[in-house]
C-alpha cells in the first residue's frame, strides 16, 4: 500500500498521471493519496463501499445526496463458511471474490416534521432503498426481512442501521434485537 502511494505521489510530481497505478476500485477521494488511504481503510473497517454519489435538488429546491452503496460481509473467524445470503461479485472490493453482500441506495435529506408542541422542524433523515433484489435468491430476499423494503429513518440512527445491516447479512441477528424496526 505504501509503495502504491509513493508511486502515485511520484507520478504527480513528474507530471505523468498515466504512470500512476490504478486502485482496485474507484476512489471517492479523487487523487488525494492520503484521503484514498483513509477511504480504503474505512471501507475495510465497515464493509461499506460507496460506489457513487450524486447531488439532486428535491421539489422544494433543497439539495439532497444519493449514494449507491454495497455492503459486503466476510467471516474472518470462519472463512470457510459463507453466510446464508447471496454472493457478491464486485470488482470494487478488496475482499475475496465470493462475499455475501447487498447493494442499496441511501438518500440524505431534510424531513419536515413537527416537534412535541406542534412546531415545524427539519430533521436530518436517510431513505434506504435496496437494489437488484431481483437478481438474488428467494432465501436471501426472505432473510432480509424489513431490509428488503424501502424505509426512512433519522440520520442519528445510522450506527443502528449499520449494526442491523451487519447482523442481517452475517446471519447473526437475534430475534430480540429488532430495534431498527421499532425505531
C-alpha atoms as a PDB file:
ATOM      1  CA  UNK A   1       0.000   0.000   0.000  1.00  0.00           C
ATOM      2  CA  UNK A   2       2.817   2.441   0.865  1.00  0.00           C
ATOM      3  CA  UNK A   3       4.618   1.605  -2.361  1.00  0.00           C
ATOM      4  CA  UNK A   4       1.437   2.324  -4.337  1.00  0.00           C
ATOM      5  CA  UNK A   5       1.010   5.665  -2.544  1.00  0.00           C
ATOM      6  CA  UNK A   6       4.658   6.604  -3.278  1.00  0.00           C
ATOM      7  CA  UNK A   7       4.213   5.777  -6.975  1.00  0.00           C
ATOM      8  CA  UNK A   8       1.111   7.954  -7.196  1.00  0.00           C
ATOM      9  CA  UNK A   9       2.918  10.827  -5.457  1.00  0.00           C
ATOM     10  CA  UNK A  10       5.954  10.448  -7.758  1.00  0.00           C
ATOM     11  CA  UNK A  11       3.781  10.403 -10.867  1.00  0.00           C
ATOM     12  CA  UNK A  12       2.094  13.605  -9.708  1.00  0.00           C
ATOM     13  CA  UNK A  13       5.484  15.289  -9.348  1.00  0.00           C
ATOM     14  CA  UNK A  14       6.720  14.015 -12.705  1.00  0.00           C
ATOM     15  CA  UNK A  15       3.536  15.100 -14.459  1.00  0.00           C
ATOM     16  CA  UNK A  16       2.795  11.638 -15.879  1.00  0.00           C
ATOM     17  CA  UNK A  17      -0.585  10.665 -14.445  1.00  0.00           C
ATOM     18  CA  UNK A  18      -0.841   7.650 -16.747  1.00  0.00           C
ATOM     19  CA  UNK A  19       2.064   6.095 -14.842  1.00  0.00           C
ATOM     20  CA  UNK A  20       0.017   6.097 -11.633  1.00  0.00           C
ATOM     21  CA  UNK A  21      -1.243   2.675 -10.591  1.00  0.00           C
ATOM     22  CA  UNK A  22      -4.999   2.292 -10.615  1.00  0.00           C
ATOM     23  CA  UNK A  23      -6.808   1.279  -7.450  1.00  0.00           C
ATOM     24  CA  UNK A  24      -8.744  -1.984  -7.464  1.00  0.00           C
ATOM     25  CA  UNK A  25     -11.899   0.149  -7.157  1.00  0.00           C
ATOM     26  CA  UNK A  26     -12.881   3.750  -7.893  1.00  0.00           C
ATOM     27  CA  UNK A  27     -11.541   6.075  -5.205  1.00  0.00           C
ATOM     28  CA  UNK A  28     -14.169   8.509  -3.969  1.00  0.00           C
ATOM     29  CA  UNK A  29     -11.479  10.796  -2.564  1.00  0.00           C
ATOM     30  CA  UNK A  30     -10.122  11.639  -6.023  1.00  0.00           C
ATOM     31  CA  UNK A  31      -6.383  11.822  -6.480  1.00  0.00           C
ATOM     32  CA  UNK A  32      -5.527  12.772  -2.903  1.00  0.00           C
ATOM     33  CA  UNK A  33      -3.389   9.828  -1.769  1.00  0.00           C
ATOM     34  CA  UNK A  34      -3.887  10.391   1.958  1.00  0.00           C
ATOM     35  CA  UNK A  35      -7.657  10.562   1.597  1.00  0.00           C
ATOM     36  CA  UNK A  36      -7.627   7.467  -0.603  1.00  0.00           C
ATOM     37  CA  UNK A  37      -5.804   5.518   2.117  1.00  0.00           C
ATOM     38  CA  UNK A  38      -8.330   6.696   4.712  1.00  0.00           C
ATOM     39  CA  UNK A  39     -11.289   5.838   2.463  1.00  0.00           C
ATOM     40  CA  UNK A  40      -9.936   2.363   1.746  1.00  0.00           C
ATOM     41  CA  UNK A  41      -9.296   1.754   5.466  1.00  0.00           C
ATOM     42  CA  UNK A  42     -12.814   2.920   6.335  1.00  0.00           C
ATOM     43  CA  UNK A  43     -14.324   0.677   3.661  1.00  0.00           C
ATOM     44  CA  UNK A  44     -12.399  -2.312   5.020  1.00  0.00           C
ATOM     45  CA  UNK A  45     -13.366  -1.416   8.595  1.00  0.00           C
ATOM     46  CA  UNK A  46     -17.096  -1.026   7.919  1.00  0.00           C
ATOM     47  CA  UNK A  47     -17.540  -3.385   4.923  1.00  0.00           C
ATOM     48  CA  UNK A  48     -19.402  -0.492   3.296  1.00  0.00           C
ATOM     49  CA  UNK A  49     -18.379   0.727  -0.134  1.00  0.00           C
ATOM     50  CA  UNK A  50     -19.890   3.918  -1.555  1.00  0.00           C
ATOM     51  CA  UNK A  51     -19.831   3.223  -5.285  1.00  0.00           C
ATOM     52  CA  UNK A  52     -21.249   6.559  -6.410  1.00  0.00           C
ATOM     53  CA  UNK A  53     -22.510   9.859  -5.070  1.00  0.00           C
ATOM     54  CA  UNK A  54     -24.768  12.307  -6.808  1.00  0.00           C
ATOM     55  CA  UNK A  55     -26.479  15.503  -5.767  1.00  0.00           C
ATOM     56  CA  UNK A  56     -30.053  16.297  -6.771  1.00  0.00           C
ATOM     57  CA  UNK A  57     -32.486  19.085  -5.969  1.00  0.00           C
ATOM     58  CA  UNK A  58     -35.802  17.993  -4.465  1.00  0.00           C
ATOM     59  CA  UNK A  59     -39.172  19.557  -5.307  1.00  0.00           C
ATOM     60  CA  UNK A  60     -38.528  22.361  -2.768  1.00  0.00           C
ATOM     61  CA  UNK A  61     -35.161  23.147  -4.388  1.00  0.00           C
ATOM     62  CA  UNK A  62     -33.138  21.718  -1.487  1.00  0.00           C
ATOM     63  CA  UNK A  63     -30.044  19.700  -2.345  1.00  0.00           C
ATOM     64  CA  UNK A  64     -30.063  16.012  -1.436  1.00  0.00           C
ATOM     65  CA  UNK A  65     -27.280  13.435  -1.627  1.00  0.00           C
ATOM     66  CA  UNK A  66     -27.903   9.986  -3.061  1.00  0.00           C
ATOM     67  CA  UNK A  67     -25.270   7.310  -2.545  1.00  0.00           C
ATOM     68  CA  UNK A  68     -25.170   3.925  -4.201  1.00  0.00           C
ATOM     69  CA  UNK A  69     -23.650   1.541  -1.659  1.00  0.00           C
ATOM     70  CA  UNK A  70     -22.526  -2.054  -1.399  1.00  0.00           C
ATOM     71  CA  UNK A  71     -22.380  -3.769   1.975  1.00  0.00           C
ATOM     72  CA  UNK A  72     -20.325  -6.952   1.986  1.00  0.00           C
ATOM     73  CA  UNK A  73     -19.693  -9.483   4.690  1.00  0.00           C
ATOM     74  CA  UNK A  74     -16.693 -11.703   5.308  1.00  0.00           C
ATOM     75  CA  UNK A  75     -16.468 -14.035   8.305  1.00  0.00           C
ATOM     76  CA  UNK A  76     -12.816 -13.680   9.287  1.00  0.00           C
ATOM     77  CA  UNK A  77     -13.147 -16.236  12.090  1.00  0.00           C
ATOM     78  CA  UNK A  78     -14.670 -18.898   9.833  1.00  0.00           C
ATOM     79  CA  UNK A  79     -13.621 -18.018   6.262  1.00  0.00           C
ATOM     80  CA  UNK A  80     -14.571 -21.482   5.008  1.00  0.00           C
ATOM     81  CA  UNK A  81     -18.210 -20.826   5.907  1.00  0.00           C
ATOM     82  CA  UNK A  82     -20.212 -18.308   3.943  1.00  0.00           C
ATOM     83  CA  UNK A  83     -23.222 -16.541   5.422  1.00  0.00           C
ATOM     84  CA  UNK A  84     -26.734 -17.564   4.435  1.00  0.00           C
ATOM     85  CA  UNK A  85     -27.019 -14.736   1.923  1.00  0.00           C
ATOM     86  CA  UNK A  86     -26.206 -14.462  -1.754  1.00  0.00           C
ATOM     87  CA  UNK A  87     -22.729 -13.939  -3.169  1.00  0.00           C
ATOM     88  CA  UNK A  88     -21.460 -10.547  -4.157  1.00  0.00           C
ATOM     89  CA  UNK A  89     -19.226 -10.382  -7.204  1.00  0.00           C
ATOM     90  CA  UNK A  90     -17.676  -6.934  -7.318  1.00  0.00           C
ATOM     91  CA  UNK A  91     -14.506  -5.666  -8.979  1.00  0.00           C
ATOM     92  CA  UNK A  92     -14.514  -2.766  -6.498  1.00  0.00           C
ATOM     93  CA  UNK A  93     -13.956  -4.693  -3.284  1.00  0.00           C
ATOM     94  CA  UNK A  94     -10.619  -5.736  -1.846  1.00  0.00           C
ATOM     95  CA  UNK A  95     -12.367  -8.709  -0.239  1.00  0.00           C
ATOM     96  CA  UNK A  96     -12.349 -12.283  -1.561  1.00  0.00           C
ATOM     97  CA  UNK A  97     -14.340 -12.806  -4.750  1.00  0.00           C
ATOM     98  CA  UNK A  98     -17.232 -14.550  -3.013  1.00  0.00           C
ATOM     99  CA  UNK A  99     -18.692 -12.421  -0.242  1.00  0.00           C
ATOM    100  CA  UNK A 100     -22.311 -12.146   0.821  1.00  0.00           C
ATOM    101  CA  UNK A 101     -23.482  -8.640   0.129  1.00  0.00           C
ATOM    102  CA  UNK A 102     -26.259  -6.206  -0.607  1.00  0.00           C
ATOM    103  CA  UNK A 103     -26.475  -3.243  -2.985  1.00  0.00           C
ATOM    104  CA  UNK A 104     -28.651  -0.312  -1.937  1.00  0.00           C
ATOM    105  CA  UNK A 105     -29.017   3.450  -2.116  1.00  0.00           C
ATOM    106  CA  UNK A 106     -29.061   5.936   0.732  1.00  0.00           C
ATOM    107  CA  UNK A 107     -30.688   9.322   0.201  1.00  0.00           C
ATOM    108  CA  UNK A 108     -29.752  12.025   2.709  1.00  0.00           C
ATOM    109  CA  UNK A 109     -32.406  14.707   3.030  1.00  0.00           C
ATOM    110  CA  UNK A 110     -34.243  17.080   5.362  1.00  0.00           C
ATOM    111  CA  UNK A 111     -37.552  15.619   6.581  1.00  0.00           C
ATOM    112  CA  UNK A 112     -40.112  18.184   7.698  1.00  0.00           C
ATOM    113  CA  UNK A 113     -41.841  17.100  10.911  1.00  0.00           C
ATOM    114  CA  UNK A 114     -43.458  18.630  13.961  1.00  0.00           C
ATOM    115  CA  UNK A 115     -41.996  18.682  17.460  1.00  0.00           C
ATOM    116  CA  UNK A 116     -43.982  17.807  20.610  1.00  0.00           C
ATOM    117  CA  UNK A 117     -45.547  21.292  20.651  1.00  0.00           C
ATOM    118  CA  UNK A 118     -46.642  21.078  17.011  1.00  0.00           C
ATOM    119  CA  UNK A 119     -43.952  23.444  15.745  1.00  0.00           C
ATOM    120  CA  UNK A 120     -42.433  22.602  12.352  1.00  0.00           C
ATOM    121  CA  UNK A 121     -38.877  21.253  12.481  1.00  0.00           C
ATOM    122  CA  UNK A 122     -36.484  19.840   9.927  1.00  0.00           C
ATOM    123  CA  UNK A 123     -34.829  16.516  10.756  1.00  0.00           C
ATOM    124  CA  UNK A 124     -31.752  15.067   9.001  1.00  0.00           C
ATOM    125  CA  UNK A 125     -33.083  11.812   7.546  1.00  0.00           C
ATOM    126  CA  UNK A 126     -31.963   8.864   5.426  1.00  0.00           C
ATOM    127  CA  UNK A 127     -34.011   6.885   2.932  1.00  0.00           C
ATOM    128  CA  UNK A 128     -32.780   3.316   2.447  1.00  0.00           C
ATOM    129  CA  UNK A 129     -33.706   1.531  -0.783  1.00  0.00           C
ATOM    130  CA  UNK A 130     -32.433  -1.965  -1.624  1.00  0.00           C
ATOM    131  CA  UNK A 131     -31.343  -2.536  -5.216  1.00  0.00           C
ATOM    132  CA  UNK A 132     -31.068  -5.506  -7.563  1.00  0.00           C
ATOM    133  CA  UNK A 133     -33.037  -7.849  -5.294  1.00  0.00           C
ATOM    134  CA  UNK A 134     -34.493  -9.488  -8.389  1.00  0.00           C
ATOM    135  CA  UNK A 135     -31.013 -10.927  -9.001  1.00  0.00           C
ATOM    136  CA  UNK A 136     -30.889 -12.538  -5.543  1.00  0.00           C
ATOM    137  CA  UNK A 137     -32.250 -15.864  -4.382  1.00  0.00           C
ATOM    138  CA  UNK A 138     -35.645 -16.085  -2.704  1.00  0.00           C
ATOM    139  CA  UNK A 139     -33.960 -17.312   0.501  1.00  0.00           C
ATOM    140  CA  UNK A 140     -31.724 -14.254   0.553  1.00  0.00           C
ATOM    141  CA  UNK A 141     -34.640 -11.860  -0.073  1.00  0.00           C
ATOM    142  CA  UNK A 142     -36.612 -13.503   2.752  1.00  0.00           C
ATOM    143  CA  UNK A 143     -33.638 -13.296   5.129  1.00  0.00           C
ATOM    144  CA  UNK A 144     -33.514  -9.513   4.659  1.00  0.00           C
ATOM    145  CA  UNK A 145     -36.869  -9.050   6.395  1.00  0.00           C
ATOM    146  CA  UNK A 146     -37.538  -5.283   6.555  1.00  0.00           C
ATOM    147  CA  UNK A 147     -34.195  -4.542   4.816  1.00  0.00           C
ATOM    148  CA  UNK A 148     -35.859  -5.910   1.688  1.00  0.00           C
ATOM    149  CA  UNK A 149     -38.107  -2.817   1.548  1.00  0.00           C
ATOM    150  CA  UNK A 150     -37.596   0.932   1.277  1.00  0.00           C
ATOM    151  CA  UNK A 151     -37.845   2.890   4.529  1.00  0.00           C
ATOM    152  CA  UNK A 152     -36.819   6.203   6.127  1.00  0.00           C
ATOM    153  CA  UNK A 153     -35.029   6.742   9.427  1.00  0.00           C
ATOM    154  CA  UNK A 154     -33.399   9.634  11.249  1.00  0.00           C
ATOM    155  CA  UNK A 155     -29.722  10.173  10.491  1.00  0.00           C
ATOM    156  CA  UNK A 156     -28.927   9.850  14.199  1.00  0.00           C
ATOM    157  CA  UNK A 157     -29.754   6.120  13.816  1.00  0.00           C
ATOM    158  CA  UNK A 158     -27.036   5.400  11.222  1.00  0.00           C
ATOM    159  CA  UNK A 159     -24.955   3.315  13.622  1.00  0.00           C
ATOM    160  CA  UNK A 160     -28.023   1.223  14.499  1.00  0.00           C
ATOM    161  CA  UNK A 161     -28.732   0.830  10.789  1.00  0.00           C
ATOM    162  CA  UNK A 162     -25.170  -0.422  10.141  1.00  0.00           C
ATOM    163  CA  UNK A 163     -25.355  -2.843  13.079  1.00  0.00           C
ATOM    164  CA  UNK A 164     -28.671  -4.177  11.792  1.00  0.00           C
ATOM    165  CA  UNK A 165     -27.217  -4.496   8.282  1.00  0.00           C
ATOM    166  CA  UNK A 166     -24.247  -6.463   9.642  1.00  0.00           C
ATOM    167  CA  UNK A 167     -26.389  -8.758  11.797  1.00  0.00           C
ATOM    168  CA  UNK A 168     -28.822  -9.440   8.960  1.00  0.00           C
ATOM    169  CA  UNK A 169     -26.245 -10.104   6.231  1.00  0.00           C
ATOM    170  CA  UNK A 170     -23.966 -12.142   8.518  1.00  0.00           C
ATOM    171  CA  UNK A 171     -26.854 -14.206   9.846  1.00  0.00           C
ATOM    172  CA  UNK A 172     -26.067 -13.282  13.466  1.00  0.00           C
ATOM    173  CA  UNK A 173     -29.223 -11.243  14.099  1.00  0.00           C
ATOM    174  CA  UNK A 174     -31.041 -12.092  17.312  1.00  0.00           C
ATOM    175  CA  UNK A 175     -34.813 -12.264  17.081  1.00  0.00           C
ATOM    176  CA  UNK A 176     -34.946  -9.975  20.144  1.00  0.00           C
ATOM    177  CA  UNK A 177     -32.757  -7.244  18.590  1.00  0.00           C
ATOM    178  CA  UNK A 178     -35.310  -5.699  16.241  1.00  0.00           C
ATOM    179  CA  UNK A 179     -34.607  -2.148  17.461  1.00  0.00           C
ATOM    180  CA  UNK A 180     -34.378  -0.772  13.921  1.00  0.00           C
ATOM    181  CA  UNK A 181     -37.890  -1.966  13.067  1.00  0.00           C
ATOM    182  CA  UNK A 182     -39.320  -0.304  16.155  1.00  0.00           C
ATOM    183  CA  UNK A 183     -37.225   2.920  15.873  1.00  0.00           C
END
